[in-house]
Structures are given as structure tokens and as C-alpha cells.
Protein backbone atom coordinates (compact mmCIF):
# COMPACT_ATOMS: atom_id res chain seq x y z
CA UNK A 1 16.89 -19.03 24.56
CA UNK A 2 18.05 -15.86 22.78
CA UNK A 3 17.35 -12.24 23.70
CA UNK A 4 13.70 -10.99 23.08
CA UNK A 5 13.35 -8.70 20.14
CA UNK A 6 11.12 -5.51 20.72
CA UNK A 7 7.94 -5.25 18.68
CA UNK A 8 9.52 -2.30 17.02
CA UNK A 9 12.59 -4.05 15.82
CA UNK A 10 10.67 -7.11 14.63
CA UNK A 11 8.50 -4.66 12.49
CA UNK A 12 11.37 -3.23 10.88
CA UNK A 13 12.96 -6.35 9.90
CA UNK A 14 9.51 -7.26 8.26
CA UNK A 15 9.37 -4.11 6.41
CA UNK A 16 10.56 -3.74 3.03
CA UNK A 17 12.61 -0.91 1.44
CA UNK A 18 10.81 2.15 -0.18
CA UNK A 19 12.31 1.19 -3.71
CA UNK A 20 10.44 -2.14 -3.61
CA UNK A 21 6.99 -2.33 -5.36
CA UNK A 22 3.78 -1.64 -3.46
CA UNK A 23 2.22 -4.79 -5.13
CA UNK A 24 2.36 -8.07 -3.37
CA UNK A 25 4.26 -11.08 -4.81
CA UNK A 26 1.97 -13.84 -5.83
CA UNK A 27 0.22 -15.50 -2.74
CA UNK A 28 -2.34 -18.19 -2.17
CA UNK A 29 -4.43 -15.44 -0.57
CA UNK A 30 -5.03 -13.25 -3.58
CA UNK A 31 -3.80 -10.20 -1.86
CA UNK A 32 -2.40 -7.57 -4.33
CA UNK A 33 -0.98 -4.90 -2.00
CA UNK A 34 2.16 -5.20 -0.17
CA UNK A 35 1.14 -3.85 3.44
CA UNK A 36 4.77 -4.04 4.46
CA UNK A 37 5.72 -1.33 2.22
CA UNK A 38 6.55 1.88 4.05
CA UNK A 39 4.11 4.07 2.12
CA UNK A 40 1.47 1.72 2.50
CA UNK A 41 1.62 0.55 6.15
CA UNK A 42 0.68 3.92 7.66
CA UNK A 43 -2.49 3.75 5.47
CA UNK A 44 -3.10 0.13 6.60
CA UNK A 45 -2.79 1.16 10.30
CA UNK A 46 -5.17 4.13 9.90
CA UNK A 47 -7.57 1.84 8.11
CA UNK A 48 -7.31 -0.85 11.23
CA UNK A 49 -8.12 2.04 13.54
CA UNK A 50 -10.95 3.21 11.51
CA UNK A 51 -12.58 -0.27 11.33
CA UNK A 52 -11.73 -0.86 14.96
CA UNK A 53 -9.79 -4.06 14.43
CA UNK A 54 -6.22 -5.08 15.07
CA UNK A 55 -6.31 -7.86 12.48
CA UNK A 56 -8.34 -7.49 9.45
CA UNK A 57 -10.81 -10.33 8.14
CA UNK A 58 -10.14 -11.16 4.37
CA UNK A 59 -13.19 -9.13 3.59
CA UNK A 60 -11.65 -6.03 5.32
CA UNK A 61 -8.32 -6.70 3.69
CA UNK A 62 -9.99 -6.80 0.28
CA UNK A 63 -11.88 -3.57 1.05
CA UNK A 64 -8.62 -1.90 2.21
CA UNK A 65 -6.98 -3.10 -1.14
CA UNK A 66 -9.89 -1.83 -3.13
CA UNK A 67 -9.52 1.56 -1.68
CA UNK A 68 -5.73 1.60 -2.48
CA UNK A 69 -6.31 0.53 -6.06
CA UNK A 70 -8.78 3.04 -6.60
CA UNK A 71 -6.34 5.83 -5.40
CA UNK A 72 -3.67 4.46 -7.70
CA UNK A 73 -5.92 4.59 -10.43
CA UNK A 74 -6.99 8.00 -9.91
CA UNK A 75 -3.50 9.26 -9.51
CA UNK A 76 -2.57 7.53 -12.48
CA UNK A 77 -5.46 9.28 -14.58
CA UNK A 78 -4.48 12.69 -13.22
CA UNK A 79 -0.67 12.16 -14.02
CA UNK A 80 -1.89 11.02 -17.51
CA UNK A 81 -4.23 14.28 -18.20
CA UNK A 82 -1.26 16.32 -16.89
CA UNK A 83 1.10 14.74 -19.18
CA UNK A 84 -1.27 15.20 -22.06
CA UNK A 85 -1.84 18.89 -21.22
CA UNK A 86 2.22 19.28 -21.25
CA UNK A 87 2.25 18.01 -24.67
CA UNK A 88 -0.56 19.83 -26.06
CA UNK A 89 1.29 22.91 -24.72
CA UNK A 90 4.44 22.09 -26.71
CA UNK A 91 2.25 21.64 -29.91
CA UNK A 92 0.68 25.18 -29.58
């Protein structure tokens, strides 16, 4: 057998690059969020701690994804509103 790999090294191999999408590729589970993304992973780990689980059930994963999607939607609304405000300033 080959050398054993540390958990940290294995996790780094599984991580994606920051420029990749935070959205998951189509999958049979219906998951929408890529939990391997560097911006999502810390939030996912914190959520697992909060619910006291090492591995989330499908229902917990869906709840986590709902939380992330709400945050993304809220951020998009705020950015859209800010851009409209900037456009209105240029008109005045």
C-alpha cells in the first residue's frame, strides 16, 4: 500500500478553487450548493457544529442550502438597490 494521506491533505484535494461556482453541478441528490467551495465550507462546518452533527441528514442539508440561498438572494437585492441608487444619482 501507498503512504497514508492526512485528513487535511485529502480535504485540500477535494476543495475547489475560489473562482469556481458556489453552485453544485447537477446531481442525483438535488443539492444546489457546492459545500467544497472555499467560501461555503466554513459556513457548512459552522452549521454542522450548530446542529451538533458531523454528517448532515438530507433534511439538514436542505435547510443549510435554504439558509445560503436566502443570504445570496438578500445580497443580490441589496446590490441591485445600491446600483439603482447610483444610477439615480447620475440622473440628478
